[in-house]
Amino acid sequence: MEIERIRSFIATDLPEESKRALRGIQNRLKKGYDAPVKWVDPNSIHLTLKFLGNIDAGMTGRILAVIAEAVRGVKPFQVELKGLGVFPNPNRVRVVWVGMGGDIEKLAAIQRRIEADLVPLGFPAENRPFSPHFTLGRVREQAAPEERRLLGQLVTGTVFEGGGCFTVDAVHLMKSQLTHQGAIYTKIGSVELK
């Protein structure tokens, strides 16, 4: 019998008000320059704490237990959408993102615990530092260097006032199903912060 594989990741959610703020900044950037960017639907934007890839369906219970251990003793906390930027740099834009402010250290601590506790389950630790952000769009491969540079100028010259504060009160194990219309995300399980 074949074992079911699930493309999955661990993340936190965004409230509707913040999703509206992200949609607003996307619309401002789209009006400013028609670059070959695949914009992420704000309804599916989330903060990824750990991308897991394809996992055996039978591992979900153990992964949720790791999440529960990582958030043990952590009360809900406040963060905010703050700042606009690009990866890797404004001259060679690949990703447009919105950053975060607020109680980022609590978020980073949860992420570090999840990262460390998943290693014994066979998930290699990420070697890049955790950089909490929300991806707004990805520049398509066919974009010319000049298009990337102009988009970088637009982003660095655009002020984003932010999307207000919101409470991180749960961490979710998510399923990502890739379709021609884009990824469809569903929650496999959630662990609430108490």
N, C-alpha and C. Protein backbone atom coordinates (compact mmCIF):
# COMPACT_ATOMS: atom_id res chain seq x y z
N MET A 1 0.84 -1.19 0.00
CA MET A 1 0.00 0.00 0.00
C MET A 1 0.89 1.25 0.00
N GLU A 2 0.54 2.22 -0.84
CA GLU A 2 1.34 3.44 -0.95
C GLU A 2 1.00 4.41 0.17
N ILE A 3 2.05 4.99 0.76
CA ILE A 3 1.87 5.96 1.85
C ILE A 3 1.53 7.32 1.24
N GLU A 4 0.50 7.96 1.79
CA GLU A 4 0.12 9.27 1.30
C GLU A 4 1.17 10.30 1.69
N ARG A 5 1.58 11.13 0.71
CA ARG A 5 2.55 12.20 0.95
C ARG A 5 1.81 13.53 0.90
N ILE A 6 2.15 14.42 1.83
CA ILE A 6 1.50 15.73 1.92
C ILE A 6 2.57 16.81 1.84
N ARG A 7 2.42 17.74 0.90
CA ARG A 7 3.33 18.90 0.83
C ARG A 7 2.88 19.84 1.95
N SER A 8 3.78 20.13 2.88
CA SER A 8 3.31 20.85 4.06
C SER A 8 4.34 21.84 4.60
N PHE A 9 3.83 22.70 5.50
CA PHE A 9 4.67 23.70 6.17
C PHE A 9 4.00 24.10 7.47
N ILE A 10 4.75 24.79 8.33
CA ILE A 10 4.25 25.27 9.62
C ILE A 10 4.18 26.78 9.53
N ALA A 11 3.04 27.37 9.95
CA ALA A 11 2.85 28.81 9.76
C ALA A 11 1.90 29.41 10.78
N THR A 12 1.85 30.75 10.78
CA THR A 12 0.82 31.48 11.52
C THR A 12 -0.05 32.22 10.53
N ASP A 13 -1.23 32.59 10.96
CA ASP A 13 -2.24 33.25 10.13
C ASP A 13 -2.20 34.76 10.22
N LEU A 14 -2.91 35.39 9.31
CA LEU A 14 -3.10 36.84 9.31
C LEU A 14 -4.58 37.16 9.43
N PRO A 15 -4.95 38.18 10.19
CA PRO A 15 -6.37 38.57 10.24
C PRO A 15 -6.78 39.28 8.94
N GLU A 16 -8.09 39.37 8.71
CA GLU A 16 -8.63 39.98 7.49
C GLU A 16 -8.14 41.41 7.30
N GLU A 17 -8.08 42.19 8.36
CA GLU A 17 -7.64 43.59 8.27
C GLU A 17 -6.23 43.68 7.69
N SER A 18 -5.35 42.79 8.11
CA SER A 18 -3.98 42.78 7.60
C SER A 18 -3.93 42.33 6.15
N LYS A 19 -4.77 41.36 5.79
CA LYS A 19 -4.83 40.90 4.40
C LYS A 19 -5.29 42.05 3.49
N ARG A 20 -6.24 42.86 3.98
CA ARG A 20 -6.69 44.03 3.20
C ARG A 20 -5.55 45.03 3.01
N ALA A 21 -4.75 45.23 4.06
CA ALA A 21 -3.61 46.15 3.96
C ALA A 21 -2.60 45.63 2.94
N LEU A 22 -2.36 44.32 2.91
CA LEU A 22 -1.44 43.75 1.94
C LEU A 22 -1.98 43.88 0.52
N ARG A 23 -3.28 43.68 0.36
CA ARG A 23 -3.90 43.85 -0.97
C ARG A 23 -3.74 45.30 -1.42
N GLY A 24 -3.90 46.25 -0.50
CA GLY A 24 -3.76 47.67 -0.82
C GLY A 24 -2.36 48.01 -1.30
N ILE A 25 -1.33 47.49 -0.62
CA ILE A 25 0.04 47.81 -1.04
C ILE A 25 0.37 47.11 -2.35
N GLN A 26 -0.16 45.91 -2.56
CA GLN A 26 0.03 45.24 -3.86
C GLN A 26 -0.56 46.09 -4.98
N ASN A 27 -1.78 46.60 -4.77
CA ASN A 27 -2.43 47.41 -5.81
C ASN A 27 -1.64 48.67 -6.10
N ARG A 28 -1.07 49.30 -5.06
CA ARG A 28 -0.23 50.49 -5.28
C ARG A 28 1.00 50.15 -6.11
N LEU A 29 1.62 49.03 -5.83
CA LEU A 29 2.82 48.63 -6.58
C LEU A 29 2.45 48.27 -8.03
N LYS A 30 1.31 47.61 -8.22
CA LYS A 30 0.89 47.24 -9.58
C LYS A 30 0.64 48.49 -10.43
N LYS A 31 0.04 49.53 -9.82
CA LYS A 31 -0.21 50.77 -10.55
C LYS A 31 1.09 51.48 -10.90
N GLY A 32 2.09 51.34 -10.03
CA GLY A 32 3.35 52.05 -10.22
C GLY A 32 4.20 51.49 -11.34
N TYR A 33 4.07 50.18 -11.61
CA TYR A 33 4.95 49.58 -12.61
C TYR A 33 4.41 48.21 -12.99
N ASP A 34 4.34 47.95 -14.28
CA ASP A 34 3.79 46.70 -14.77
C ASP A 34 4.91 45.68 -14.98
N ALA A 35 5.53 45.24 -13.90
CA ALA A 35 6.61 44.26 -13.98
C ALA A 35 6.04 42.84 -14.07
N PRO A 36 6.81 41.90 -14.63
CA PRO A 36 6.35 40.51 -14.70
C PRO A 36 6.45 39.84 -13.32
N VAL A 37 5.45 40.13 -12.50
CA VAL A 37 5.44 39.62 -11.12
C VAL A 37 4.22 38.73 -10.94
N LYS A 38 4.41 37.60 -10.27
CA LYS A 38 3.27 36.77 -9.87
C LYS A 38 2.93 37.19 -8.46
N TRP A 39 1.82 37.94 -8.32
CA TRP A 39 1.41 38.45 -7.01
C TRP A 39 0.70 37.35 -6.24
N VAL A 40 0.99 37.26 -4.96
CA VAL A 40 0.38 36.26 -4.09
C VAL A 40 -1.00 36.76 -3.67
N ASP A 41 -2.01 35.89 -3.76
CA ASP A 41 -3.35 36.25 -3.30
C ASP A 41 -3.29 36.52 -1.79
N PRO A 42 -3.66 37.74 -1.36
CA PRO A 42 -3.58 38.06 0.08
C PRO A 42 -4.34 37.08 0.97
N ASN A 43 -5.39 36.44 0.44
CA ASN A 43 -6.13 35.47 1.25
C ASN A 43 -5.29 34.25 1.60
N SER A 44 -4.22 34.01 0.83
CA SER A 44 -3.39 32.83 1.13
C SER A 44 -2.04 33.21 1.72
N ILE A 45 -1.85 34.49 2.05
CA ILE A 45 -0.59 34.91 2.66
C ILE A 45 -0.56 34.51 4.13
N HIS A 46 0.57 33.97 4.54
CA HIS A 46 0.77 33.50 5.91
C HIS A 46 2.25 33.68 6.24
N LEU A 47 2.60 33.52 7.49
CA LEU A 47 4.00 33.59 7.89
C LEU A 47 4.52 32.17 8.07
N THR A 48 5.39 31.75 7.17
CA THR A 48 5.95 30.40 7.25
C THR A 48 7.06 30.36 8.30
N LEU A 49 6.91 29.45 9.25
CA LEU A 49 7.93 29.22 10.27
C LEU A 49 8.89 28.11 9.85
N LYS A 50 8.37 27.14 9.08
CA LYS A 50 9.22 26.04 8.61
C LYS A 50 8.52 25.35 7.43
N PHE A 51 9.22 25.29 6.29
CA PHE A 51 8.71 24.53 5.15
C PHE A 51 9.18 23.09 5.32
N LEU A 52 8.25 22.14 5.25
CA LEU A 52 8.59 20.75 5.51
C LEU A 52 8.77 19.93 4.23
N GLY A 53 8.14 20.37 3.14
CA GLY A 53 8.19 19.58 1.90
C GLY A 53 7.17 18.46 1.97
N ASN A 54 7.43 17.38 1.25
CA ASN A 54 6.50 16.25 1.22
C ASN A 54 6.76 15.34 2.42
N ILE A 55 5.74 15.20 3.24
CA ILE A 55 5.85 14.37 4.44
C ILE A 55 4.88 13.19 4.33
N ASP A 56 5.17 12.13 5.08
CA ASP A 56 4.23 11.02 5.19
C ASP A 56 3.03 11.49 6.01
N ALA A 57 1.83 11.17 5.56
CA ALA A 57 0.62 11.59 6.27
C ALA A 57 0.64 11.12 7.72
N GLY A 58 1.28 9.98 7.98
CA GLY A 58 1.34 9.44 9.34
C GLY A 58 2.21 10.24 10.30
N MET A 59 2.97 11.21 9.79
CA MET A 59 3.86 12.01 10.66
C MET A 59 3.17 13.24 11.24
N THR A 60 1.95 13.53 10.81
CA THR A 60 1.33 14.80 11.23
C THR A 60 1.17 14.89 12.74
N GLY A 61 0.86 13.79 13.39
CA GLY A 61 0.70 13.80 14.85
C GLY A 61 2.00 14.16 15.56
N ARG A 62 3.12 13.61 15.08
CA ARG A 62 4.41 13.90 15.71
C ARG A 62 4.81 15.37 15.46
N ILE A 63 4.50 15.88 14.28
CA ILE A 63 4.84 17.27 13.96
C ILE A 63 4.00 18.22 14.82
N LEU A 64 2.72 17.91 14.99
CA LEU A 64 1.86 18.74 15.86
C LEU A 64 2.35 18.69 17.31
N ALA A 65 2.89 17.55 17.74
CA ALA A 65 3.44 17.45 19.10
C ALA A 65 4.68 18.34 19.24
N VAL A 66 5.50 18.43 18.19
CA VAL A 66 6.67 19.32 18.19
C VAL A 66 6.20 20.77 18.31
N ILE A 67 5.16 21.13 17.55
CA ILE A 67 4.63 22.50 17.62
C ILE A 67 4.11 22.79 19.02
N ALA A 68 3.37 21.84 19.59
CA ALA A 68 2.81 22.02 20.94
C ALA A 68 3.92 22.25 21.97
N GLU A 69 5.01 21.51 21.84
CA GLU A 69 6.14 21.67 22.76
C GLU A 69 6.80 23.04 22.56
N ALA A 70 6.90 23.47 21.30
CA ALA A 70 7.57 24.75 20.98
C ALA A 70 6.80 25.96 21.51
N VAL A 71 5.48 25.86 21.61
CA VAL A 71 4.68 27.00 22.07
C VAL A 71 4.28 26.89 23.54
N ARG A 72 4.70 25.80 24.19
CA ARG A 72 4.35 25.60 25.60
C ARG A 72 4.82 26.80 26.42
N GLY A 73 3.92 27.37 27.21
CA GLY A 73 4.26 28.49 28.08
C GLY A 73 4.29 29.85 27.38
N VAL A 74 4.02 29.88 26.08
CA VAL A 74 4.02 31.15 25.35
C VAL A 74 2.58 31.65 25.25
N LYS A 75 2.36 32.84 25.79
CA LYS A 75 1.02 33.45 25.71
C LYS A 75 0.88 34.15 24.36
N PRO A 76 -0.36 34.37 23.89
CA PRO A 76 -0.55 35.13 22.65
C PRO A 76 0.19 36.46 22.73
N PHE A 77 0.74 36.90 21.61
CA PHE A 77 1.54 38.13 21.59
C PHE A 77 1.24 38.95 20.34
N GLN A 78 1.64 40.22 20.40
CA GLN A 78 1.33 41.19 19.35
C GLN A 78 2.49 41.36 18.37
N VAL A 79 2.15 41.38 17.08
CA VAL A 79 3.11 41.73 16.03
C VAL A 79 2.40 42.71 15.09
N GLU A 80 3.14 43.27 14.15
CA GLU A 80 2.53 44.18 13.19
C GLU A 80 3.23 44.06 11.84
N LEU A 81 2.48 44.39 10.79
CA LEU A 81 3.06 44.50 9.46
C LEU A 81 3.85 45.80 9.43
N LYS A 82 5.08 45.73 8.95
CA LYS A 82 5.92 46.92 9.02
C LYS A 82 7.02 46.84 7.97
N GLY A 83 7.08 47.84 7.11
CA GLY A 83 8.16 47.92 6.15
C GLY A 83 7.93 47.11 4.89
N LEU A 84 8.58 47.54 3.82
CA LEU A 84 8.44 46.93 2.51
C LEU A 84 9.85 46.68 2.01
N GLY A 85 10.11 45.54 1.40
CA GLY A 85 11.46 45.27 0.92
C GLY A 85 11.49 44.24 -0.19
N VAL A 86 12.71 43.88 -0.59
CA VAL A 86 12.91 42.91 -1.67
C VAL A 86 14.05 41.97 -1.30
N PHE A 87 14.01 40.76 -1.87
CA PHE A 87 15.13 39.82 -1.81
C PHE A 87 15.61 39.62 -3.25
N PRO A 88 16.89 39.43 -3.56
CA PRO A 88 18.00 39.58 -2.63
C PRO A 88 18.43 41.04 -2.47
N ASN A 89 18.19 41.89 -3.50
CA ASN A 89 18.52 43.31 -3.39
C ASN A 89 17.76 44.10 -4.45
N PRO A 90 17.69 45.44 -4.33
CA PRO A 90 16.87 46.25 -5.26
C PRO A 90 17.33 46.21 -6.72
N ASN A 91 18.54 45.77 -7.00
CA ASN A 91 18.99 45.69 -8.38
C ASN A 91 18.66 44.36 -9.06
N ARG A 92 18.37 43.33 -8.25
CA ARG A 92 18.08 42.01 -8.81
C ARG A 92 16.87 41.40 -8.11
N VAL A 93 15.77 42.10 -8.08
CA VAL A 93 14.60 41.68 -7.30
C VAL A 93 14.10 40.31 -7.75
N ARG A 94 13.91 39.42 -6.78
CA ARG A 94 13.25 38.14 -7.01
C ARG A 94 11.94 38.05 -6.23
N VAL A 95 11.94 38.65 -5.01
CA VAL A 95 10.77 38.58 -4.13
C VAL A 95 10.50 39.97 -3.56
N VAL A 96 9.20 40.34 -3.53
CA VAL A 96 8.76 41.58 -2.88
C VAL A 96 8.07 41.16 -1.59
N TRP A 97 8.42 41.79 -0.47
CA TRP A 97 7.87 41.36 0.82
C TRP A 97 7.51 42.54 1.72
N VAL A 98 6.68 42.21 2.73
CA VAL A 98 6.37 43.13 3.83
C VAL A 98 6.97 42.52 5.09
N GLY A 99 7.64 43.35 5.88
CA GLY A 99 8.28 42.88 7.09
C GLY A 99 7.36 42.92 8.31
N MET A 100 7.96 42.70 9.46
CA MET A 100 7.19 42.63 10.70
C MET A 100 7.88 43.41 11.80
N GLY A 101 7.06 43.91 12.71
CA GLY A 101 7.55 44.54 13.93
C GLY A 101 6.79 43.95 15.11
N GLY A 102 6.99 44.51 16.27
CA GLY A 102 6.30 44.00 17.46
C GLY A 102 7.16 42.98 18.18
N ASP A 103 6.51 41.98 18.76
CA ASP A 103 7.19 40.99 19.61
C ASP A 103 7.80 39.88 18.76
N ILE A 104 8.73 40.28 17.88
CA ILE A 104 9.34 39.34 16.95
C ILE A 104 10.21 38.31 17.66
N GLU A 105 10.77 38.67 18.81
CA GLU A 105 11.66 37.72 19.51
C GLU A 105 10.88 36.48 19.95
N LYS A 106 9.62 36.65 20.38
CA LYS A 106 8.81 35.47 20.76
C LYS A 106 8.59 34.57 19.54
N LEU A 107 8.30 35.21 18.41
CA LEU A 107 8.09 34.47 17.18
C LEU A 107 9.37 33.72 16.79
N ALA A 108 10.50 34.40 16.87
CA ALA A 108 11.79 33.79 16.53
C ALA A 108 12.11 32.63 17.46
N ALA A 109 11.77 32.77 18.76
CA ALA A 109 12.03 31.70 19.72
C ALA A 109 11.20 30.45 19.38
N ILE A 110 9.93 30.66 19.02
CA ILE A 110 9.07 29.53 18.61
C ILE A 110 9.67 28.86 17.38
N GLN A 111 10.08 29.68 16.42
CA GLN A 111 10.64 29.15 15.17
C GLN A 111 11.91 28.34 15.45
N ARG A 112 12.79 28.84 16.32
CA ARG A 112 14.03 28.12 16.65
C ARG A 112 13.73 26.78 17.32
N ARG A 113 12.74 26.77 18.23
CA ARG A 113 12.38 25.52 18.91
C ARG A 113 11.84 24.50 17.91
N ILE A 114 10.94 24.97 17.02
CA ILE A 114 10.38 24.07 16.01
C ILE A 114 11.51 23.51 15.15
N GLU A 115 12.38 24.39 14.69
CA GLU A 115 13.52 24.00 13.83
C GLU A 115 14.35 22.91 14.52
N ALA A 116 14.75 23.16 15.77
CA ALA A 116 15.61 22.22 16.50
C ALA A 116 14.89 20.90 16.78
N ASP A 117 13.62 20.97 17.17
CA ASP A 117 12.89 19.75 17.56
C ASP A 117 12.48 18.89 16.37
N LEU A 118 12.53 19.45 15.16
CA LEU A 118 12.19 18.66 13.97
C LEU A 118 13.40 17.89 13.42
N VAL A 119 14.60 18.29 13.82
CA VAL A 119 15.81 17.61 13.32
C VAL A 119 15.77 16.11 13.61
N PRO A 120 15.44 15.68 14.86
CA PRO A 120 15.39 14.23 15.13
C PRO A 120 14.34 13.50 14.29
N LEU A 121 13.36 14.23 13.75
CA LEU A 121 12.34 13.59 12.90
C LEU A 121 12.78 13.53 11.43
N GLY A 122 14.01 14.00 11.17
CA GLY A 122 14.53 13.90 9.81
C GLY A 122 14.41 15.16 8.97
N PHE A 123 14.07 16.28 9.58
CA PHE A 123 13.97 17.55 8.84
C PHE A 123 15.24 18.35 9.09
N PRO A 124 16.07 18.54 8.07
CA PRO A 124 17.32 19.28 8.30
C PRO A 124 17.05 20.72 8.73
N ALA A 125 17.92 21.23 9.59
CA ALA A 125 17.78 22.61 10.05
C ALA A 125 18.11 23.56 8.91
N GLU A 126 17.38 24.66 8.84
CA GLU A 126 17.61 25.71 7.85
C GLU A 126 18.92 26.41 8.21
N ASN A 127 19.78 26.66 7.22
CA ASN A 127 21.04 27.33 7.56
C ASN A 127 20.98 28.84 7.36
N ARG A 128 19.88 29.35 6.82
CA ARG A 128 19.71 30.81 6.73
C ARG A 128 19.02 31.29 8.01
N PRO A 129 19.36 32.51 8.47
CA PRO A 129 18.68 33.03 9.66
C PRO A 129 17.20 33.28 9.36
N PHE A 130 16.36 33.13 10.38
CA PHE A 130 14.92 33.37 10.26
C PHE A 130 14.68 34.85 10.03
N SER A 131 13.96 35.17 8.97
CA SER A 131 13.67 36.56 8.62
C SER A 131 12.16 36.68 8.43
N PRO A 132 11.41 37.01 9.50
CA PRO A 132 9.95 37.00 9.40
C PRO A 132 9.46 38.04 8.39
N HIS A 133 8.72 37.55 7.38
CA HIS A 133 8.18 38.43 6.35
C HIS A 133 7.00 37.75 5.67
N PHE A 134 6.24 38.56 4.94
CA PHE A 134 5.11 38.07 4.16
C PHE A 134 5.41 38.34 2.70
N THR A 135 5.45 37.29 1.89
CA THR A 135 5.76 37.45 0.47
C THR A 135 4.54 38.03 -0.26
N LEU A 136 4.75 39.18 -0.93
CA LEU A 136 3.69 39.82 -1.72
C LEU A 136 3.70 39.32 -3.16
N GLY A 137 4.89 39.09 -3.69
CA GLY A 137 4.99 38.66 -5.08
C GLY A 137 6.37 38.13 -5.40
N ARG A 138 6.42 37.31 -6.46
CA ARG A 138 7.69 36.76 -6.95
C ARG A 138 7.86 37.19 -8.40
N VAL A 139 9.05 37.69 -8.72
CA VAL A 139 9.32 38.12 -10.08
C VAL A 139 9.48 36.88 -10.96
N ARG A 140 8.84 36.90 -12.11
CA ARG A 140 8.90 35.74 -13.01
C ARG A 140 10.30 35.61 -13.61
N GLU A 141 10.66 34.36 -13.94
CA GLU A 141 12.01 34.06 -14.45
C GLU A 141 12.37 34.89 -15.67
N GLN A 142 11.39 35.14 -16.56
CA GLN A 142 11.68 35.83 -17.82
C GLN A 142 11.90 37.34 -17.66
N ALA A 143 11.78 37.87 -16.45
CA ALA A 143 11.95 39.31 -16.24
C ALA A 143 13.37 39.73 -16.60
N ALA A 144 13.47 40.82 -17.34
CA ALA A 144 14.78 41.35 -17.74
C ALA A 144 15.45 42.04 -16.55
N PRO A 145 16.79 42.12 -16.54
CA PRO A 145 17.49 42.81 -15.44
C PRO A 145 16.97 44.24 -15.21
N GLU A 146 16.65 44.95 -16.29
CA GLU A 146 16.16 46.33 -16.15
C GLU A 146 14.80 46.35 -15.46
N GLU A 147 13.95 45.37 -15.78
CA GLU A 147 12.63 45.29 -15.13
C GLU A 147 12.79 45.04 -13.63
N ARG A 148 13.71 44.18 -13.26
CA ARG A 148 13.96 43.87 -11.86
C ARG A 148 14.46 45.12 -11.12
N ARG A 149 15.37 45.86 -11.78
CA ARG A 149 15.94 47.07 -11.17
C ARG A 149 14.86 48.15 -10.98
N LEU A 150 14.01 48.33 -11.99
CA LEU A 150 12.95 49.34 -11.89
C LEU A 150 11.95 48.98 -10.79
N LEU A 151 11.63 47.69 -10.68
CA LEU A 151 10.74 47.26 -9.60
C LEU A 151 11.40 47.53 -8.24
N GLY A 152 12.70 47.26 -8.14
CA GLY A 152 13.43 47.54 -6.90
C GLY A 152 13.37 49.00 -6.52
N GLN A 153 13.49 49.89 -7.51
CA GLN A 153 13.39 51.33 -7.26
C GLN A 153 11.99 51.70 -6.78
N LEU A 154 10.98 51.11 -7.42
CA LEU A 154 9.59 51.39 -7.03
C LEU A 154 9.36 50.97 -5.57
N VAL A 155 9.79 49.75 -5.21
CA VAL A 155 9.56 49.23 -3.86
C VAL A 155 10.30 50.08 -2.83
N THR A 156 11.57 50.39 -3.09
CA THR A 156 12.32 51.16 -2.10
C THR A 156 11.80 52.59 -1.98
N GLY A 157 11.13 53.08 -3.02
CA GLY A 157 10.57 54.43 -2.97
C GLY A 157 9.13 54.49 -2.50
N THR A 158 8.55 53.35 -2.14
CA THR A 158 7.15 53.29 -1.70
C THR A 158 7.09 53.17 -0.19
N VAL A 159 6.30 54.03 0.44
CA VAL A 159 6.13 53.99 1.89
C VAL A 159 4.94 53.08 2.21
N PHE A 160 5.15 52.15 3.12
CA PHE A 160 4.07 51.28 3.58
C PHE A 160 3.83 51.58 5.05
N GLU A 161 2.67 52.14 5.35
CA GLU A 161 2.34 52.55 6.71
C GLU A 161 2.09 51.37 7.64
N GLY A 162 1.90 50.21 7.07
CA GLY A 162 1.67 49.02 7.89
C GLY A 162 0.21 48.61 7.92
N GLY A 163 -0.03 47.47 8.49
CA GLY A 163 -1.37 46.91 8.52
C GLY A 163 -1.90 46.76 9.93
N GLY A 164 -1.37 47.57 10.85
CA GLY A 164 -1.85 47.49 12.22
C GLY A 164 -1.29 46.30 12.96
N CYS A 165 -1.53 46.29 14.26
CA CYS A 165 -1.09 45.19 15.12
C CYS A 165 -2.10 44.05 15.06
N PHE A 166 -1.61 42.86 15.26
CA PHE A 166 -2.51 41.72 15.40
C PHE A 166 -1.88 40.71 16.35
N THR A 167 -2.70 39.80 16.84
CA THR A 167 -2.27 38.83 17.84
C THR A 167 -1.93 37.50 17.20
N VAL A 168 -0.75 36.99 17.53
CA VAL A 168 -0.40 35.61 17.15
C VAL A 168 -0.89 34.74 18.29
N ASP A 169 -1.90 33.91 17.99
CA ASP A 169 -2.50 33.09 19.05
C ASP A 169 -2.55 31.60 18.72
N ALA A 170 -1.96 31.23 17.57
CA ALA A 170 -1.94 29.82 17.18
C ALA A 170 -0.86 29.59 16.13
N VAL A 171 -0.37 28.35 16.07
CA VAL A 171 0.56 27.92 15.04
C VAL A 171 -0.08 26.72 14.34
N HIS A 172 0.00 26.70 13.02
CA HIS A 172 -0.73 25.71 12.22
C HIS A 172 0.21 24.82 11.40
N LEU A 173 -0.17 23.56 11.29
CA LEU A 173 0.45 22.66 10.32
C LEU A 173 -0.44 22.74 9.09
N MET A 174 0.15 23.16 7.96
CA MET A 174 -0.63 23.43 6.75
C MET A 174 -0.30 22.44 5.64
N LYS A 175 -1.30 22.19 4.82
CA LYS A 175 -1.12 21.39 3.61
C LYS A 175 -1.12 22.35 2.43
N SER A 176 -0.20 22.16 1.49
CA SER A 176 -0.11 22.99 0.30
C SER A 176 -0.33 22.11 -0.91
N GLN A 177 -1.43 22.37 -1.62
CA GLN A 177 -1.75 21.59 -2.81
C GLN A 177 -1.53 22.49 -4.02
N LEU A 178 -0.57 22.12 -4.88
CA LEU A 178 -0.25 22.94 -6.04
C LEU A 178 -1.23 22.67 -7.18
N THR A 179 -1.80 23.75 -7.74
CA THR A 179 -2.71 23.64 -8.88
C THR A 179 -2.26 24.66 -9.93
N HIS A 180 -2.88 24.60 -11.11
CA HIS A 180 -2.55 25.57 -12.17
C HIS A 180 -2.96 26.99 -11.78
N GLN A 181 -3.94 27.13 -10.90
CA GLN A 181 -4.40 28.45 -10.45
C GLN A 181 -3.56 28.97 -9.27
N GLY A 182 -2.65 28.17 -8.79
CA GLY A 182 -1.84 28.54 -7.62
C GLY A 182 -2.03 27.52 -6.51
N ALA A 183 -1.36 27.74 -5.40
CA ALA A 183 -1.42 26.79 -4.29
C ALA A 183 -2.73 26.96 -3.51
N ILE A 184 -3.26 25.83 -3.05
CA ILE A 184 -4.44 25.83 -2.17
C ILE A 184 -3.95 25.35 -0.81
N TYR A 185 -4.22 26.17 0.22
CA TYR A 185 -3.74 25.84 1.56
C TYR A 185 -4.89 25.41 2.45
N THR A 186 -4.68 24.33 3.20
CA THR A 186 -5.68 23.89 4.18
C THR A 186 -4.95 23.53 5.46
N LYS A 187 -5.63 23.76 6.58
CA LYS A 187 -5.03 23.45 7.89
C LYS A 187 -5.19 21.96 8.17
N ILE A 188 -4.07 21.33 8.52
CA ILE A 188 -4.10 19.94 8.95
C ILE A 188 -4.41 19.89 10.44
N GLY A 189 -3.80 20.84 11.19
CA GLY A 189 -4.01 20.92 12.63
C GLY A 189 -3.46 22.22 13.15
N SER A 190 -3.92 22.63 14.34
CA SER A 190 -3.48 23.87 14.94
C SER A 190 -3.18 23.67 16.41
N VAL A 191 -2.23 24.48 16.91
CA VAL A 191 -1.92 24.48 18.33
C VAL A 191 -2.08 25.91 18.81
N GLU A 192 -2.97 26.11 19.80
CA GLU A 192 -3.22 27.47 20.31
C GLU A 192 -2.20 27.84 21.36
N LEU A 193 -1.86 29.13 21.37
CA LEU A 193 -1.00 29.67 22.43
C LEU A 193 -1.91 29.96 23.63
N LYS A 194 -1.47 29.57 24.83
CA LYS A 194 -2.32 29.76 26.00
C LYS A 194 -1.62 30.60 27.03
